[in-house]
């Protein structure tokens, strides 16, 4: 089931002018890397990028993991700022946070 992108708040498209090198940038890159440190979380990001948005049960259907395990992975990704979640009645709709993904790309490319 494809959910329209409108179920999540609009992404922050403002330019990120923070430095891509230095102690703070290194700390940020390590934190994002830790959030991506499990193949299931990488897969979740790929699912959300491909669909633009989806609800938790759709993600569970795509992975060979229990609902509670998927929910924990979603929490890690959300805490890292890689995804956003919006409660829509009894469902939670998740979508990627494009600004954080752009930041991640910039930090990795600075290595």
PDB file of N, CA and C in Angstrom:
ATOM      1  N   UNK A   1       0.843  -1.176   0.000  1.00  0.00           N
ATOM      2  CA  UNK A   1       0.000   0.000   0.000  1.00  0.00           C
ATOM      3  C   UNK A   1       0.888   1.239   0.000  1.00  0.00           C
ATOM      4  N   UNK A   2       0.747   2.063  -0.980  1.00  0.00           N
ATOM      5  CA  UNK A   2       1.551   3.282  -1.067  1.00  0.00           C
ATOM      6  C   UNK A   2       0.785   4.431  -0.428  1.00  0.00           C
ATOM      7  N   UNK A   3       1.430   5.089   0.521  1.00  0.00           N
ATOM      8  CA  UNK A   3       0.841   6.228   1.210  1.00  0.00           C
ATOM      9  C   UNK A   3       1.405   7.493   0.577  1.00  0.00           C
ATOM     10  N   UNK A   4       0.587   8.500   0.316  1.00  0.00           N
ATOM     11  CA  UNK A   4       1.120   9.723  -0.265  1.00  0.00           C
ATOM     12  C   UNK A   4       2.106  10.402   0.666  1.00  0.00           C
ATOM     13  N   UNK A   5       3.034  11.112   0.083  1.00  0.00           N
ATOM     14  CA  UNK A   5       4.066  11.780   0.863  1.00  0.00           C
ATOM     15  C   UNK A   5       3.460  12.793   1.827  1.00  0.00           C
ATOM     16  N   UNK A   6       2.255  13.256   1.573  1.00  0.00           N
ATOM     17  CA  UNK A   6       1.627  14.257   2.419  1.00  0.00           C
ATOM     18  C   UNK A   6       1.404  13.766   3.838  1.00  0.00           C
ATOM     19  N   UNK A   7       1.498  12.466   4.091  1.00  0.00           N
ATOM     20  CA  UNK A   7       1.283  11.970   5.447  1.00  0.00           C
ATOM     21  C   UNK A   7       2.429  12.366   6.368  1.00  0.00           C
ATOM     22  N   UNK A   8       3.532  12.769   5.844  1.00  0.00           N
ATOM     23  CA  UNK A   8       4.645  13.280   6.646  1.00  0.00           C
ATOM     24  C   UNK A   8       4.740  14.783   6.434  1.00  0.00           C
ATOM     25  N   UNK A   9       5.262  15.490   7.439  1.00  0.00           N
ATOM     26  CA  UNK A   9       5.420  16.932   7.248  1.00  0.00           C
ATOM     27  C   UNK A   9       6.377  17.224   6.101  1.00  0.00           C
ATOM     28  N   UNK A  10       6.275  18.391   5.500  1.00  0.00           N
ATOM     29  CA  UNK A  10       7.177  18.725   4.396  1.00  0.00           C
ATOM     30  C   UNK A  10       8.634  18.689   4.857  1.00  0.00           C
ATOM     31  N   UNK A  11       9.530  18.226   3.988  1.00  0.00           N
ATOM     32  CA  UNK A  11      10.943  18.177   4.364  1.00  0.00           C
ATOM     33  C   UNK A  11      11.535  19.575   4.484  1.00  0.00           C
ATOM     34  N   UNK A  12      12.576  19.676   5.270  1.00  0.00           N
ATOM     35  CA  UNK A  12      13.310  20.933   5.423  1.00  0.00           C
ATOM     36  C   UNK A  12      14.296  21.017   4.259  1.00  0.00           C
ATOM     37  N   UNK A  13      14.046  21.919   3.337  1.00  0.00           N
ATOM     38  CA  UNK A  13      14.893  22.042   2.150  1.00  0.00           C
ATOM     39  C   UNK A  13      15.962  23.119   2.286  1.00  0.00           C
ATOM     40  N   UNK A  14      16.083  23.702   3.460  1.00  0.00           N
ATOM     41  CA  UNK A  14      17.089  24.749   3.670  1.00  0.00           C
ATOM     42  C   UNK A  14      18.493  24.169   3.507  1.00  0.00           C
ATOM     43  N   UNK A  15      19.370  24.980   2.967  1.00  0.00           N
ATOM     44  CA  UNK A  15      20.759  24.558   2.794  1.00  0.00           C
ATOM     45  C   UNK A  15      21.406  24.315   4.153  1.00  0.00           C
ATOM     46  N   UNK A  16      22.219  23.284   4.232  1.00  0.00           N
ATOM     47  CA  UNK A  16      22.942  22.965   5.462  1.00  0.00           C
ATOM     48  C   UNK A  16      24.358  23.500   5.302  1.00  0.00           C
ATOM     49  N   UNK A  17      24.672  24.543   6.024  1.00  0.00           N
ATOM     50  CA  UNK A  17      25.950  25.221   5.864  1.00  0.00           C
ATOM     51  C   UNK A  17      26.976  24.822   6.929  1.00  0.00           C
ATOM     52  N   UNK A  18      26.670  23.780   7.692  1.00  0.00           N
ATOM     53  CA  UNK A  18      27.621  23.341   8.713  1.00  0.00           C
ATOM     54  C   UNK A  18      28.856  22.752   8.045  1.00  0.00           C
ATOM     55  N   UNK A  19      30.022  22.869   8.701  1.00  0.00           N
ATOM     56  CA  UNK A  19      31.251  22.313   8.137  1.00  0.00           C
ATOM     57  C   UNK A  19      31.171  20.789   8.004  1.00  0.00           C
ATOM     58  N   UNK A  20      31.882  20.269   7.001  1.00  0.00           N
ATOM     59  CA  UNK A  20      31.902  18.821   6.797  1.00  0.00           C
ATOM     60  C   UNK A  20      33.182  18.191   7.338  1.00  0.00           C
ATOM     61  N   UNK A  21      34.005  18.999   7.951  1.00  0.00           N
ATOM     62  CA  UNK A  21      35.219  18.495   8.594  1.00  0.00           C
ATOM     63  C   UNK A  21      35.326  19.113   9.976  1.00  0.00           C
ATOM     64  N   UNK A  22      36.079  18.454  10.847  1.00  0.00           N
ATOM     65  CA  UNK A  22      36.257  18.947  12.209  1.00  0.00           C
ATOM     66  C   UNK A  22      35.636  17.988  13.204  1.00  0.00           C
ATOM     67  N   UNK A  23      35.839  18.263  14.467  1.00  0.00           N
ATOM     68  CA  UNK A  23      35.381  17.358  15.524  1.00  0.00           C
ATOM     69  C   UNK A  23      33.867  17.149  15.511  1.00  0.00           C
ATOM     70  N   UNK A  24      33.100  18.228  15.370  1.00  0.00           N
ATOM     71  CA  UNK A  24      31.638  18.106  15.376  1.00  0.00           C
ATOM     72  C   UNK A  24      31.149  17.286  14.177  1.00  0.00           C
ATOM     73  N   UNK A  25      31.734  17.519  13.011  1.00  0.00           N
ATOM     74  CA  UNK A  25      31.350  16.770  11.816  1.00  0.00           C
ATOM     75  C   UNK A  25      31.725  15.298  11.970  1.00  0.00           C
ATOM     76  N   UNK A  26      32.888  15.030  12.555  1.00  0.00           N
ATOM     77  CA  UNK A  26      33.310  13.642  12.774  1.00  0.00           C
ATOM     78  C   UNK A  26      32.362  12.932  13.727  1.00  0.00           C
ATOM     79  N   UNK A  27      31.944  13.636  14.765  1.00  0.00           N
ATOM     80  CA  UNK A  27      30.992  13.073  15.735  1.00  0.00           C
ATOM     81  C   UNK A  27      29.651  12.779  15.064  1.00  0.00           C
ATOM     82  N   UNK A  28      29.211  13.705  14.242  1.00  0.00           N
ATOM     83  CA  UNK A  28      27.944  13.524  13.526  1.00  0.00           C
ATOM     84  C   UNK A  28      28.010  12.345  12.565  1.00  0.00           C
ATOM     85  N   UNK A  29      29.100  12.244  11.819  1.00  0.00           N
ATOM     86  CA  UNK A  29      29.259  11.130  10.888  1.00  0.00           C
ATOM     87  C   UNK A  29      29.282   9.799  11.628  1.00  0.00           C
ATOM     88  N   UNK A  30      29.979   9.748  12.753  1.00  0.00           N
ATOM     89  CA  UNK A  30      30.028   8.510  13.547  1.00  0.00           C
ATOM     90  C   UNK A  30      28.633   8.142  14.052  1.00  0.00           C
ATOM     91  N   UNK A  31      27.868   9.126  14.471  1.00  0.00           N
ATOM     92  CA  UNK A  31      26.514   8.877  14.967  1.00  0.00           C
ATOM     93  C   UNK A  31      25.603   8.352  13.854  1.00  0.00           C
ATOM     94  N   UNK A  32      25.671   8.968  12.683  1.00  0.00           N
ATOM     95  CA  UNK A  32      24.869   8.500  11.554  1.00  0.00           C
ATOM     96  C   UNK A  32      25.319   7.110  11.115  1.00  0.00           C
ATOM     97  N   UNK A  33      26.634   6.890  11.127  1.00  0.00           N
ATOM     98  CA  UNK A  33      27.149   5.569  10.777  1.00  0.00           C
ATOM     99  C   UNK A  33      26.661   4.500  11.737  1.00  0.00           C
ATOM    100  N   UNK A  34      26.611   4.836  13.001  1.00  0.00           N
ATOM    101  CA  UNK A  34      26.112   3.882  13.999  1.00  0.00           C
ATOM    102  C   UNK A  34      24.648   3.556  13.734  1.00  0.00           C
ATOM    103  N   UNK A  35      23.855   4.573  13.388  1.00  0.00           N
ATOM    104  CA  UNK A  35      22.439   4.346  13.091  1.00  0.00           C
ATOM    105  C   UNK A  35      22.270   3.436  11.878  1.00  0.00           C
ATOM    106  N   UNK A  36      23.212   3.510  10.941  1.00  0.00           N
ATOM    107  CA  UNK A  36      23.150   2.661   9.741  1.00  0.00           C
ATOM    108  C   UNK A  36      23.899   1.354   9.927  1.00  0.00           C
ATOM    109  N   UNK A  37      24.335   1.080  11.143  1.00  0.00           N
ATOM    110  CA  UNK A  37      25.190  -0.062  11.414  1.00  0.00           C
ATOM    111  C   UNK A  37      24.502  -1.416  11.454  1.00  0.00           C
ATOM    112  N   UNK A  38      23.296  -1.508  10.973  1.00  0.00           N
ATOM    113  CA  UNK A  38      22.599  -2.797  10.907  1.00  0.00           C
ATOM    114  C   UNK A  38      21.953  -2.922   9.534  1.00  0.00           C
ATOM    115  N   UNK A  39      22.106  -4.080   8.886  1.00  0.00           N
ATOM    116  CA  UNK A  39      21.541  -4.245   7.535  1.00  0.00           C
ATOM    117  C   UNK A  39      20.032  -4.000   7.471  1.00  0.00           C
ATOM    118  N   UNK A  40      19.304  -4.305   8.524  1.00  0.00           N
ATOM    119  CA  UNK A  40      17.852  -4.074   8.508  1.00  0.00           C
ATOM    120  C   UNK A  40      17.541  -2.587   8.422  1.00  0.00           C
ATOM    121  N   UNK A  41      18.345  -1.751   9.071  1.00  0.00           N
ATOM    122  CA  UNK A  41      18.099  -0.308   9.013  1.00  0.00           C
ATOM    123  C   UNK A  41      18.425   0.241   7.629  1.00  0.00           C
ATOM    124  N   UNK A  42      19.449  -0.289   7.000  1.00  0.00           N
ATOM    125  CA  UNK A  42      19.763   0.107   5.624  1.00  0.00           C
ATOM    126  C   UNK A  42      18.601  -0.293   4.712  1.00  0.00           C
ATOM    127  N   UNK A  43      18.085  -1.487   4.896  1.00  0.00           N
ATOM    128  CA  UNK A  43      16.958  -1.968   4.093  1.00  0.00           C
ATOM    129  C   UNK A  43      15.719  -1.087   4.302  1.00  0.00           C
ATOM    130  N   UNK A  44      15.468  -0.699   5.553  1.00  0.00           N
ATOM    131  CA  UNK A  44      14.329   0.175   5.837  1.00  0.00           C
ATOM    132  C   UNK A  44      14.474   1.495   5.083  1.00  0.00           C
ATOM    133  N   UNK A  45      15.673   2.075   5.106  1.00  0.00           N
ATOM    134  CA  UNK A  45      15.889   3.316   4.356  1.00  0.00           C
ATOM    135  C   UNK A  45      15.636   3.109   2.870  1.00  0.00           C
ATOM    136  N   UNK A  46      16.125   2.005   2.330  1.00  0.00           N
ATOM    137  CA  UNK A  46      15.901   1.728   0.904  1.00  0.00           C
ATOM    138  C   UNK A  46      14.409   1.609   0.591  1.00  0.00           C
ATOM    139  N   UNK A  47      13.660   0.959   1.468  1.00  0.00           N
ATOM    140  CA  UNK A  47      12.211   0.817   1.281  1.00  0.00           C
ATOM    141  C   UNK A  47      11.544   2.194   1.274  1.00  0.00           C
ATOM    142  N   UNK A  48      11.904   3.011   2.263  1.00  0.00           N
ATOM    143  CA  UNK A  48      11.281   4.333   2.362  1.00  0.00           C
ATOM    144  C   UNK A  48      11.658   5.238   1.194  1.00  0.00           C
ATOM    145  N   UNK A  49      12.894   5.145   0.722  1.00  0.00           N
ATOM    146  CA  UNK A  49      13.314   5.939  -0.433  1.00  0.00           C
ATOM    147  C   UNK A  49      12.539   5.505  -1.676  1.00  0.00           C
ATOM    148  N   UNK A  50      12.361   4.207  -1.847  1.00  0.00           N
ATOM    149  CA  UNK A  50      11.651   3.690  -3.022  1.00  0.00           C
ATOM    150  C   UNK A  50      10.168   4.068  -3.009  1.00  0.00           C
ATOM    151  N   UNK A  51       9.573   4.144  -1.827  1.00  0.00           N
ATOM    152  CA  UNK A  51       8.132   4.394  -1.735  1.00  0.00           C
ATOM    153  C   UNK A  51       7.783   5.837  -1.414  1.00  0.00           C
ATOM    154  N   UNK A  52       8.741   6.639  -1.034  1.00  0.00           N
ATOM    155  CA  UNK A  52       8.528   8.016  -0.567  1.00  0.00           C
ATOM    156  C   UNK A  52       7.919   8.076   0.823  1.00  0.00           C
ATOM    157  N   UNK A  53       7.112   7.110   1.212  1.00  0.00           N
ATOM    158  CA  UNK A  53       6.515   7.046   2.540  1.00  0.00           C
ATOM    159  C   UNK A  53       5.862   5.686   2.678  1.00  0.00           C
ATOM    160  N   UNK A  54       5.696   5.240   3.888  1.00  0.00           N
ATOM    161  CA  UNK A  54       4.927   4.015   4.091  1.00  0.00           C
ATOM    162  C   UNK A  54       4.600   3.870   5.566  1.00  0.00           C
ATOM    163  N   UNK A  55       3.676   2.999   5.864  1.00  0.00           N
ATOM    164  CA  UNK A  55       3.317   2.785   7.251  1.00  0.00           C
ATOM    165  C   UNK A  55       4.106   1.598   7.796  1.00  0.00           C
ATOM    166  N   UNK A  56       4.176   1.525   9.098  1.00  0.00           N
ATOM    167  CA  UNK A  56       5.021   0.529   9.751  1.00  0.00           C
ATOM    168  C   UNK A  56       4.683  -0.894   9.312  1.00  0.00           C
ATOM    169  N   UNK A  57       3.403  -1.224   9.201  1.00  0.00           N
ATOM    170  CA  UNK A  57       3.050  -2.601   8.838  1.00  0.00           C
ATOM    171  C   UNK A  57       3.554  -2.959   7.447  1.00  0.00           C
ATOM    172  N   UNK A  58       3.642  -1.986   6.536  1.00  0.00           N
ATOM    173  CA  UNK A  58       4.199  -2.255   5.209  1.00  0.00           C
ATOM    174  C   UNK A  58       5.680  -2.606   5.321  1.00  0.00           C
ATOM    175  N   UNK A  59       6.379  -1.919   6.187  1.00  0.00           N
ATOM    176  CA  UNK A  59       7.803  -2.189   6.376  1.00  0.00           C
ATOM    177  C   UNK A  59       7.987  -3.581   6.958  1.00  0.00           C
ATOM    178  N   UNK A  60       7.160  -3.928   7.924  1.00  0.00           N
ATOM    179  CA  UNK A  60       7.240  -5.252   8.552  1.00  0.00           C
ATOM    180  C   UNK A  60       7.037  -6.342   7.505  1.00  0.00           C
ATOM    181  N   UNK A  61       6.112  -6.114   6.575  1.00  0.00           N
ATOM    182  CA  UNK A  61       5.846  -7.094   5.517  1.00  0.00           C
ATOM    183  C   UNK A  61       7.054  -7.317   4.614  1.00  0.00           C
ATOM    184  N   UNK A  62       7.928  -6.334   4.508  1.00  0.00           N
ATOM    185  CA  UNK A  62       9.094  -6.400   3.633  1.00  0.00           C
ATOM    186  C   UNK A  62      10.311  -7.067   4.278  1.00  0.00           C
ATOM    187  N   UNK A  63      10.290  -7.213   5.597  1.00  0.00           N
ATOM    188  CA  UNK A  63      11.463  -7.725   6.309  1.00  0.00           C
ATOM    189  C   UNK A  63      11.136  -9.008   7.053  1.00  0.00           C
ATOM    190  N   UNK A  64      12.114  -9.900   7.188  1.00  0.00           N
ATOM    191  CA  UNK A  64      11.881 -11.155   7.919  1.00  0.00           C
ATOM    192  C   UNK A  64      12.097 -10.961   9.428  1.00  0.00           C
ATOM    193  N   UNK A  65      11.489  -9.889   9.966  1.00  0.00           N
ATOM    194  CA  UNK A  65      11.679  -9.541  11.377  1.00  0.00           C
ATOM    195  C   UNK A  65      10.327  -9.323  12.040  1.00  0.00           C
ATOM    196  N   UNK A  66      10.304  -9.481  13.342  1.00  0.00           N
ATOM    197  CA  UNK A  66       9.083  -9.242  14.112  1.00  0.00           C
ATOM    198  C   UNK A  66       8.762  -7.752  14.142  1.00  0.00           C
ATOM    199  N   UNK A  67       7.489  -7.450  14.341  1.00  0.00           N
ATOM    200  CA  UNK A  67       7.029  -6.057  14.433  1.00  0.00           C
ATOM    201  C   UNK A  67       7.834  -5.281  15.465  1.00  0.00           C
ATOM    202  N   UNK A  68       8.071  -5.871  16.627  1.00  0.00           N
ATOM    203  CA  UNK A  68       8.790  -5.159  17.693  1.00  0.00           C
ATOM    204  C   UNK A  68      10.233  -4.855  17.286  1.00  0.00           C
ATOM    205  N   UNK A  69      10.853  -5.756  16.549  1.00  0.00           N
ATOM    206  CA  UNK A  69      12.227  -5.539  16.086  1.00  0.00           C
ATOM    207  C   UNK A  69      12.270  -4.424  15.051  1.00  0.00           C
ATOM    208  N   UNK A  70      11.326  -4.436  14.131  1.00  0.00           N
ATOM    209  CA  UNK A  70      11.250  -3.370  13.121  1.00  0.00           C
ATOM    210  C   UNK A  70      11.002  -2.031  13.805  1.00  0.00           C
ATOM    211  N   UNK A  71      10.123  -2.017  14.794  1.00  0.00           N
ATOM    212  CA  UNK A  71       9.840  -0.775  15.514  1.00  0.00           C
ATOM    213  C   UNK A  71      11.093  -0.235  16.193  1.00  0.00           C
ATOM    214  N   UNK A  72      11.910  -1.115  16.746  1.00  0.00           N
ATOM    215  CA  UNK A  72      13.151  -0.673  17.387  1.00  0.00           C
ATOM    216  C   UNK A  72      14.115  -0.090  16.347  1.00  0.00           C
ATOM    217  N   UNK A  73      14.225  -0.732  15.192  1.00  0.00           N
ATOM    218  CA  UNK A  73      15.087  -0.204  14.123  1.00  0.00           C
ATOM    219  C   UNK A  73      14.575   1.162  13.650  1.00  0.00           C
ATOM    220  N   UNK A  74      13.260   1.311  13.521  1.00  0.00           N
ATOM    221  CA  UNK A  74      12.678   2.596  13.122  1.00  0.00           C
ATOM    222  C   UNK A  74      12.993   3.674  14.156  1.00  0.00           C
ATOM    223  N   UNK A  75      12.952   3.310  15.417  1.00  0.00           N
ATOM    224  CA  UNK A  75      13.270   4.270  16.481  1.00  0.00           C
ATOM    225  C   UNK A  75      14.712   4.755  16.370  1.00  0.00           C
ATOM    226  N   UNK A  76      15.639   3.846  16.101  1.00  0.00           N
ATOM    227  CA  UNK A  76      17.050   4.222  15.954  1.00  0.00           C
ATOM    228  C   UNK A  76      17.221   5.191  14.782  1.00  0.00           C
ATOM    229  N   UNK A  77      16.585   4.873  13.660  1.00  0.00           N
ATOM    230  CA  UNK A  77      16.676   5.739  12.485  1.00  0.00           C
ATOM    231  C   UNK A  77      16.036   7.102  12.740  1.00  0.00           C
ATOM    232  N   UNK A  78      14.924   7.104  13.446  1.00  0.00           N
ATOM    233  CA  UNK A  78      14.243   8.368  13.750  1.00  0.00           C
ATOM    234  C   UNK A  78      15.071   9.200  14.729  1.00  0.00           C
ATOM    235  N   UNK A  79      15.612   8.561  15.756  1.00  0.00           N
ATOM    236  CA  UNK A  79      16.450   9.286  16.725  1.00  0.00           C
ATOM    237  C   UNK A  79      17.676   9.905  16.066  1.00  0.00           C
ATOM    238  N   UNK A  80      18.188   9.245  15.019  1.00  0.00           N
ATOM    239  CA  UNK A  80      19.349   9.771  14.295  1.00  0.00           C
ATOM    240  C   UNK A  80      18.961  10.864  13.304  1.00  0.00           C
ATOM    241  N   UNK A  81      17.667  11.052  13.093  1.00  0.00           N
ATOM    242  CA  UNK A  81      17.207  12.080  12.170  1.00  0.00           C
ATOM    243  C   UNK A  81      17.158  11.637  10.722  1.00  0.00           C
ATOM    244  N   UNK A  82      17.346  10.344  10.466  1.00  0.00           N
ATOM    245  CA  UNK A  82      17.338   9.850   9.094  1.00  0.00           C
ATOM    246  C   UNK A  82      15.931   9.669   8.542  1.00  0.00           C
ATOM    247  N   UNK A  83      14.962   9.479   9.425  1.00  0.00           N
ATOM    248  CA  UNK A  83      13.568   9.349   9.006  1.00  0.00           C
ATOM    249  C   UNK A  83      12.703  10.211   9.910  1.00  0.00           C
ATOM    250  N   UNK A  84      11.491  10.456   9.436  1.00  0.00           N
ATOM    251  CA  UNK A  84      10.481  11.160  10.226  1.00  0.00           C
ATOM    252  C   UNK A  84       9.284  10.240  10.362  1.00  0.00           C
ATOM    253  N   UNK A  85       8.571  10.364  11.444  1.00  0.00           N
ATOM    254  CA  UNK A  85       7.366   9.577  11.647  1.00  0.00           C
ATOM    255  C   UNK A  85       6.223  10.472  12.050  1.00  0.00           C
ATOM    256  N   UNK A  86       5.071  10.191  11.519  1.00  0.00           N
ATOM    257  CA  UNK A  86       3.884  10.985  11.790  1.00  0.00           C
ATOM    258  C   UNK A  86       2.754  10.022  12.156  1.00  0.00           C
ATOM    259  N   UNK A  87       2.109  10.267  13.288  1.00  0.00           N
ATOM    260  CA  UNK A  87       0.981   9.436  13.695  1.00  0.00           C
ATOM    261  C   UNK A  87      -0.223   9.829  12.856  1.00  0.00           C
ATOM    262  N   UNK A  88      -0.846   8.835  12.243  1.00  0.00           N
ATOM    263  CA  UNK A  88      -2.015   9.048  11.396  1.00  0.00           C
ATOM    264  C   UNK A  88      -3.101   8.096  11.885  1.00  0.00           C
ATOM    265  N   UNK A  89      -3.824   8.516  12.925  1.00  0.00           N
ATOM    266  CA  UNK A  89      -4.818   7.628  13.533  1.00  0.00           C
ATOM    267  C   UNK A  89      -4.111   6.458  14.191  1.00  0.00           C
ATOM    268  N   UNK A  90      -4.522   5.236  13.857  1.00  0.00           N
ATOM    269  CA  UNK A  90      -3.879   4.072  14.471  1.00  0.00           C
ATOM    270  C   UNK A  90      -2.553   3.685  13.807  1.00  0.00           C
ATOM    271  N   UNK A  91      -2.195   4.369  12.738  1.00  0.00           N
ATOM    272  CA  UNK A  91      -0.973   4.028  12.005  1.00  0.00           C
ATOM    273  C   UNK A  91       0.118   5.056  12.279  1.00  0.00           C
ATOM    274  N   UNK A  92       1.335   4.639  12.009  1.00  0.00           N
ATOM    275  CA  UNK A  92       2.446   5.582  12.010  1.00  0.00           C
ATOM    276  C   UNK A  92       3.031   5.543  10.609  1.00  0.00           C
ATOM    277  N   UNK A  93       3.105   6.708  10.004  1.00  0.00           N
ATOM    278  CA  UNK A  93       3.646   6.839   8.657  1.00  0.00           C
ATOM    279  C   UNK A  93       5.088   7.316   8.764  1.00  0.00           C
ATOM    280  N   UNK A  94       5.993   6.639   8.110  1.00  0.00           N
ATOM    281  CA  UNK A  94       7.403   7.016   8.134  1.00  0.00           C
ATOM    282  C   UNK A  94       7.846   7.447   6.750  1.00  0.00           C
ATOM    283  N   UNK A  95       8.754   8.403   6.708  1.00  0.00           N
ATOM    284  CA  UNK A  95       9.376   8.801   5.455  1.00  0.00           C
ATOM    285  C   UNK A  95      10.800   9.263   5.737  1.00  0.00           C
ATOM    286  N   UNK A  96      11.593   9.293   4.699  1.00  0.00           N
ATOM    287  CA  UNK A  96      12.992   9.689   4.864  1.00  0.00           C
ATOM    288  C   UNK A  96      13.079  11.176   5.174  1.00  0.00           C
ATOM    289  N   UNK A  97      14.179  11.567   5.746  1.00  0.00           N
ATOM    290  CA  UNK A  97      14.480  12.982   5.979  1.00  0.00           C
ATOM    291  C   UNK A  97      15.562  13.356   4.973  1.00  0.00           C
ATOM    292  N   UNK A  98      15.177  13.946   3.834  1.00  0.00           N
ATOM    293  CA  UNK A  98      16.137  14.209   2.763  1.00  0.00           C
ATOM    294  C   UNK A  98      17.321  15.073   3.198  1.00  0.00           C
ATOM    295  N   UNK A  99      17.092  16.028   4.076  1.00  0.00           N
ATOM    296  CA  UNK A  99      18.177  16.920   4.505  1.00  0.00           C
ATOM    297  C   UNK A  99      19.271  16.123   5.227  1.00  0.00           C
ATOM    298  N   UNK A 100      18.866  15.181   6.063  1.00  0.00           N
ATOM    299  CA  UNK A 100      19.860  14.363   6.775  1.00  0.00           C
ATOM    300  C   UNK A 100      20.602  13.449   5.813  1.00  0.00           C
ATOM    301  N   UNK A 101      19.890  12.911   4.829  1.00  0.00           N
ATOM    302  CA  UNK A 101      20.577  12.066   3.842  1.00  0.00           C
ATOM    303  C   UNK A 101      21.574  12.879   3.029  1.00  0.00           C
ATOM    304  N   UNK A 102      21.211  14.115   2.678  1.00  0.00           N
ATOM    305  CA  UNK A 102      22.164  14.977   1.967  1.00  0.00           C
ATOM    306  C   UNK A 102      23.376  15.262   2.851  1.00  0.00           C
ATOM    307  N   UNK A 103      23.142  15.495   4.125  1.00  0.00           N
ATOM    308  CA  UNK A 103      24.236  15.746   5.068  1.00  0.00           C
ATOM    309  C   UNK A 103      25.136  14.529   5.183  1.00  0.00           C
ATOM    310  N   UNK A 104      24.547  13.354   5.269  1.00  0.00           N
ATOM    311  CA  UNK A 104      25.313  12.113   5.348  1.00  0.00           C
ATOM    312  C   UNK A 104      26.203  11.960   4.109  1.00  0.00           C
ATOM    313  N   UNK A 105      25.625  12.205   2.948  1.00  0.00           N
ATOM    314  CA  UNK A 105      26.411  12.116   1.708  1.00  0.00           C
ATOM    315  C   UNK A 105      27.597  13.086   1.735  1.00  0.00           C
ATOM    316  N   UNK A 106      27.353  14.309   2.189  1.00  0.00           N
ATOM    317  CA  UNK A 106      28.408  15.310   2.244  1.00  0.00           C
ATOM    318  C   UNK A 106      29.511  14.897   3.233  1.00  0.00           C
ATOM    319  N   UNK A 107      29.098  14.375   4.382  1.00  0.00           N
ATOM    320  CA  UNK A 107      30.079  13.952   5.387  1.00  0.00           C
ATOM    321  C   UNK A 107      30.919  12.777   4.875  1.00  0.00           C
ATOM    322  N   UNK A 108      30.285  11.819   4.223  1.00  0.00           N
ATOM    323  CA  UNK A 108      31.026  10.662   3.696  1.00  0.00           C
ATOM    324  C   UNK A 108      31.943  11.103   2.568  1.00  0.00           C
ATOM    325  N   UNK A 109      31.483  12.004   1.716  1.00  0.00           N
ATOM    326  CA  UNK A 109      32.319  12.434   0.596  1.00  0.00           C
ATOM    327  C   UNK A 109      33.540  13.245   1.061  1.00  0.00           C
ATOM    328  N   UNK A 110      33.492  13.756   2.284  1.00  0.00           N
ATOM    329  CA  UNK A 110      34.627  14.535   2.786  1.00  0.00           C
ATOM    330  C   UNK A 110      35.757  13.649   3.314  1.00  0.00           C
ATOM    331  N   UNK A 111      35.523  12.345   3.383  1.00  0.00           N
ATOM    332  CA  UNK A 111      36.564  11.443   3.901  1.00  0.00           C
ATOM    333  C   UNK A 111      37.745  11.320   2.948  1.00  0.00           C
TER     334      UNK A 111
END
